[in-house]
Protein backbone atom coordinates (compact mmCIF):
# COMPACT_ATOMS: atom_id res chain seq x y z
CA MET A 1 0.06 -0.18 -0.02
CA ARG A 2 1.35 3.49 -1.05
CA TYR A 3 0.83 6.68 0.98
CA ASN A 4 2.82 9.01 -1.14
CA ARG A 5 1.70 10.51 -4.32
CA THR A 6 2.85 8.63 -7.46
CA ALA A 7 4.63 10.68 -10.37
CA SER A 8 1.41 10.90 -12.17
CA GLU A 9 -0.67 12.14 -9.30
CA LYS A 10 1.97 14.87 -8.48
CA GLY A 11 1.05 16.79 -11.83
CA SER A 12 -2.93 16.59 -11.04
CA ALA A 13 -2.34 17.75 -7.38
CA ARG A 14 -3.27 21.40 -8.19
CA PHE A 15 -6.48 20.51 -9.52
CA ARG A 16 -7.51 19.11 -6.28
CA ARG A 17 -9.11 20.94 -3.27
CA SER A 18 -7.26 21.82 -0.06
CA LEU A 19 -7.52 24.05 2.77
CA TYR A 20 -6.87 27.77 2.54
CA ILE A 21 -7.25 30.84 5.12
CA VAL A 22 -9.50 33.14 3.45
CA GLU A 23 -9.15 36.03 5.95
CA ASP A 24 -6.06 37.83 7.41
CA MET A 25 -5.48 36.51 10.94
CA ALA A 26 -3.43 37.65 13.86
CA PRO A 27 -1.41 35.45 16.19
CA GLY A 28 -4.05 33.71 18.88
CA ASP A 29 -7.11 34.12 16.30
CA VAL A 30 -9.23 30.90 16.33
CA LEU A 31 -9.74 28.99 12.90
CA THR A 32 -13.70 28.87 11.99
CA SER A 33 -15.79 28.06 9.25
CA ASP A 34 -15.60 31.77 8.30
CA ASN A 35 -11.80 31.79 7.73
CA LEU A 36 -11.12 28.31 6.70
CA ARG A 37 -12.16 26.93 3.37
CA SER A 38 -11.56 24.07 0.94
CA ILE A 39 -10.80 25.39 -2.38
CA ARG A 40 -8.57 24.95 -5.43
CA PRO A 41 -5.51 24.67 -6.01
CA GLY A 42 -4.23 21.62 -3.82
CA PHE A 43 -1.12 23.23 -2.20
CA GLY A 44 -2.52 23.30 1.34
CA LEU A 45 -3.67 20.50 3.73
CA ALA A 46 -6.24 17.89 2.57
CA PRO A 47 -10.06 18.70 3.41
CA LYS A 48 -9.97 15.63 5.56
CA HIS A 49 -8.27 17.92 8.22
CA TYR A 50 -10.96 20.36 8.21
CA GLU A 51 -12.68 19.49 11.47
CA GLU A 52 -9.47 18.87 13.06
CA LEU A 53 -8.34 22.35 12.36
CA LEU A 54 -11.41 24.14 13.47
CA GLY A 55 -11.19 25.77 16.86
CA GLN A 56 -7.08 25.65 16.70
CA LYS A 57 -5.37 29.08 17.28
CA VAL A 58 -2.89 30.20 14.64
CA VAL A 59 0.58 30.77 16.14
CA ARG A 60 1.70 33.80 13.94
CA ALA A 61 0.00 36.36 11.64
CA VAL A 62 -1.45 34.67 8.49
CA ALA A 63 -2.48 36.49 5.37
CA ARG A 64 -5.63 35.80 3.33
CA GLY A 65 -4.84 33.27 0.68
CA THR A 66 -2.25 31.30 2.79
CA PRO A 67 -2.46 27.44 2.44
CA ALA A 68 -3.21 25.85 5.54
CA SER A 69 -0.58 23.90 7.28
CA TRP A 70 0.34 22.28 10.54
CA ASP A 71 2.90 25.07 11.30
CA LEU A 72 0.27 27.60 11.36
CA VAL A 73 -1.63 26.08 14.43
CA GLY A 74 -0.36 25.36 17.99
């Protein structure tokens, strides 16, 4: 069983959905359904992590349009 993307999947990754921050956020702001969305391109975390991220606080300032990543929350 493979868990990494194959070479053929890597090219199509940009067409998949992923999680993005859609509002400017300051350190300590909480991720909510208003500021976290599943959109294209697929450069952020997978949408399966949406519920896991809701309620988490961001650890640094985040600009609108930033792909979600684990290093943004703490």
